[in-house]
Each structure stands twice: as C-alpha cells, then as structure tokens.
Amino acid sequence: MKKSKLIILLIAIIFILWSVFIKTNPLLKGFYQSEMIGSHIIQMLVREEDNSFVEWIDNREVDRGTYEKLDVKSYRIKSNRQNFEITLNDDNSFEIVINKLDDGTPIIMKNITTDDTRTSFGIFEDVNEYKSLLD
C-alpha cells in the first residue's frame, strides 16, 4: 500500500515539474486582433502554410505580404507598404506600432484563433483612406 502511494506521489511530482519546465513556444499563426484604438480596430490573419499575412483596419484590407521567422519568437513582417519585426509573447500576442493611430504607442495584437482560413469582410469604398494610416 505504501509503495503504491509513493509511486502515485512520484508520478504527480514528475507531472508538475514537466508542466512547469517544458513550455511550448507560441507560434505565429491564426487571427489576431487589437482592442479599440480610438475608434479603430486592427486585425491580422497569419497563414503558416505559405508564410503570408493580411492586415485590416476596421475590416478594410490595408496590407498583405509575407513573414519570415528570425528565431524562436521573432518574425520579420514584409510587404510593399511596411516592414517591421515582432516578438511573440508567451500568450501568443505581439505588439505593432501604427504611428497615425496611436502616436507611436505599441498596439497589442491578441491571438483570437489559430484558424488561418482566408477571411474577407466585404467591399468598402474608403479603403485608400485606411491604407494611408500605414504611411
């Protein structure tokens, strides 16, 4: 009886230590979204399959391009409109800066889902106005 309790206790300790020390690194994949920034919301879809991304401001597509992995948590985002680097946080969020929206204050992009299915929000007449926010 004592031996079985000791084995169960040992297994529990090993499991606890395993979960504390063995962390999986977050992966840049899926749909990310900011909180409200003034009256705007930033969204980004990241596809692992072809290392691509699409960025929206208020559901208007403002940019698309590719990314490359720099190290375990760092990535370089590249497009015709902008190039920048991000570092994933442990909760799979990252920060971006859009000067015209938040005066250079980092905007936190939270991972909402790891589903990387293409998304479209419709056709808008004022897309160029939103694209200019990235200039």
Protein backbone atom coordinates (compact mmCIF):
# COMPACT_ATOMS: atom_id res chain seq x y z
CA MET A 1 0.00 0.00 0.00
CA LYS A 2 2.78 2.43 0.93
CA LYS A 3 4.62 1.61 -2.26
CA SER A 4 1.62 2.45 -4.49
CA LYS A 5 1.05 5.78 -2.69
CA LEU A 6 4.73 6.62 -3.14
CA ILE A 7 4.55 5.81 -6.87
CA ILE A 8 1.43 7.96 -7.30
CA LEU A 9 3.08 10.83 -5.44
CA LEU A 10 6.23 10.49 -7.56
CA ILE A 11 4.20 10.50 -10.78
CA ALA A 12 2.32 13.62 -9.62
CA ILE A 13 5.60 15.42 -8.83
CA ILE A 14 7.06 14.47 -12.21
CA PHE A 15 3.93 15.70 -13.98
CA ILE A 16 4.01 19.04 -12.12
CA LEU A 17 7.70 19.56 -12.88
CA TRP A 18 7.15 18.60 -16.51
CA SER A 19 4.37 21.17 -16.94
CA VAL A 20 6.45 23.90 -15.27
CA PHE A 21 9.70 23.37 -17.15
CA ILE A 22 8.51 22.14 -20.54
CA LYS A 23 6.88 25.10 -22.28
CA THR A 24 5.85 25.09 -25.88
CA ASN A 25 6.84 28.21 -27.75
CA PRO A 26 3.99 30.24 -29.24
CA LEU A 27 3.58 30.03 -32.99
CA LEU A 28 2.70 32.96 -35.25
CA LYS A 29 -0.49 31.60 -36.79
CA GLY A 30 -4.16 32.46 -36.94
CA PHE A 31 -6.25 35.57 -36.44
CA TYR A 32 -5.02 38.44 -34.26
CA GLN A 33 -6.99 41.49 -33.17
CA SER A 34 -6.38 44.64 -31.14
CA GLU A 35 -8.60 46.34 -28.61
CA MET A 36 -10.26 49.57 -29.77
CA ILE A 37 -7.59 52.15 -30.64
CA GLY A 38 -9.59 55.37 -30.58
CA SER A 39 -12.36 54.35 -32.96
CA HIS A 40 -10.32 51.73 -34.85
CA ILE A 41 -9.66 48.00 -34.58
CA ILE A 42 -6.61 46.36 -36.17
CA GLN A 43 -6.85 42.77 -37.38
CA MET A 44 -4.26 40.46 -38.88
CA LEU A 45 -4.57 36.98 -40.36
CA VAL A 46 -1.32 34.98 -40.41
CA ARG A 47 -1.09 31.83 -42.51
CA GLU A 48 1.64 29.37 -41.61
CA GLU A 49 1.04 27.36 -44.78
CA ASP A 50 2.58 29.98 -47.10
CA ASN A 51 4.10 32.43 -44.57
CA SER A 52 1.67 35.16 -45.56
CA PHE A 53 -0.38 37.76 -43.71
CA VAL A 54 -3.31 40.09 -44.39
CA GLU A 55 -3.89 43.20 -42.28
CA TRP A 56 -7.14 45.10 -41.84
CA ILE A 57 -8.11 48.33 -40.13
CA ASP A 58 -11.82 48.44 -39.35
CA ASN A 59 -12.43 45.48 -41.68
CA ARG A 60 -10.75 47.26 -44.61
CA GLU A 61 -7.80 45.39 -46.08
CA VAL A 62 -4.84 47.74 -45.83
CA ASP A 63 -1.88 45.43 -46.40
CA ARG A 64 -0.75 41.94 -47.25
CA GLY A 65 2.62 40.29 -47.58
CA THR A 66 4.88 37.63 -46.14
CA TYR A 67 6.82 36.96 -42.98
CA GLU A 68 9.96 35.09 -42.08
CA LYS A 69 10.96 33.53 -38.79
CA LEU A 70 14.08 35.09 -37.28
CA ASP A 71 14.35 32.97 -34.13
CA VAL A 72 12.12 31.09 -31.70
CA LYS A 73 9.75 34.02 -31.03
CA SER A 74 10.79 36.75 -33.51
CA TYR A 75 9.49 37.36 -37.02
CA ARG A 76 10.07 39.89 -39.79
CA ILE A 77 6.89 41.14 -41.50
CA LYS A 78 7.41 42.30 -45.10
CA SER A 79 5.12 43.93 -47.65
CA ASN A 80 5.11 46.72 -50.22
CA ARG A 81 3.71 49.11 -47.59
CA GLN A 82 5.70 48.28 -44.45
CA ASN A 83 8.47 46.18 -42.95
CA PHE A 84 8.79 45.57 -39.23
CA GLU A 85 9.73 42.93 -36.67
CA ILE A 86 7.57 41.40 -33.99
CA THR A 87 8.28 39.24 -30.98
CA LEU A 88 5.63 36.84 -29.75
CA ASN A 89 4.78 36.98 -26.06
CA ASP A 90 4.15 33.78 -24.09
CA ASP A 91 0.38 34.27 -24.54
CA ASN A 92 0.86 34.35 -28.37
CA SER A 93 0.24 38.11 -28.58
CA PHE A 94 2.57 40.69 -30.12
CA GLU A 95 2.90 44.45 -30.42
CA ILE A 96 2.83 46.61 -33.54
CA VAL A 97 3.18 50.36 -33.97
CA ILE A 98 0.98 52.40 -36.32
CA ASN A 99 2.06 55.98 -35.70
CA LYS A 100 -1.04 57.59 -37.22
CA LEU A 101 -3.35 55.61 -34.96
CA ASP A 102 -1.69 55.67 -31.55
CA ASP A 103 1.17 58.20 -31.77
CA GLY A 104 3.85 55.50 -31.67
CA THR A 105 2.43 53.66 -28.67
CA PRO A 106 2.62 49.88 -29.24
CA ILE A 107 -0.69 48.21 -30.06
CA ILE A 108 -1.17 44.74 -28.57
CA MET A 109 -2.42 42.17 -31.07
CA LYS A 110 -4.06 39.23 -29.29
CA ASN A 111 -4.44 35.81 -30.88
CA ILE A 112 -8.15 35.09 -31.13
CA THR A 113 -7.95 31.80 -33.01
CA THR A 114 -5.29 29.60 -34.60
CA ASP A 115 -7.59 29.05 -37.57
CA ASP A 116 -5.83 30.59 -40.56
CA THR A 117 -8.66 30.33 -43.09
CA ARG A 118 -8.82 33.25 -45.51
CA THR A 119 -11.20 35.95 -44.38
CA SER A 120 -12.98 38.75 -46.21
CA PHE A 121 -15.10 41.47 -44.71
CA GLY A 122 -16.68 42.82 -47.89
CA ILE A 123 -16.04 45.69 -50.27
CA PHE A 124 -15.64 49.23 -48.97
CA GLU A 125 -15.36 52.48 -50.93
CA ASP A 126 -12.97 54.15 -48.47
CA VAL A 127 -10.12 51.58 -48.40
CA ASN A 128 -7.47 54.09 -49.56
CA GLU A 129 -8.27 56.33 -46.61
CA TYR A 130 -7.47 53.43 -44.27
CA LYS A 131 -4.36 52.39 -46.21
CA SER A 132 -3.00 55.90 -45.73
CA LEU A 133 -2.87 55.23 -41.98
CA LEU A 134 0.13 52.97 -42.64
CA ASP A 135 2.12 55.67 -44.48
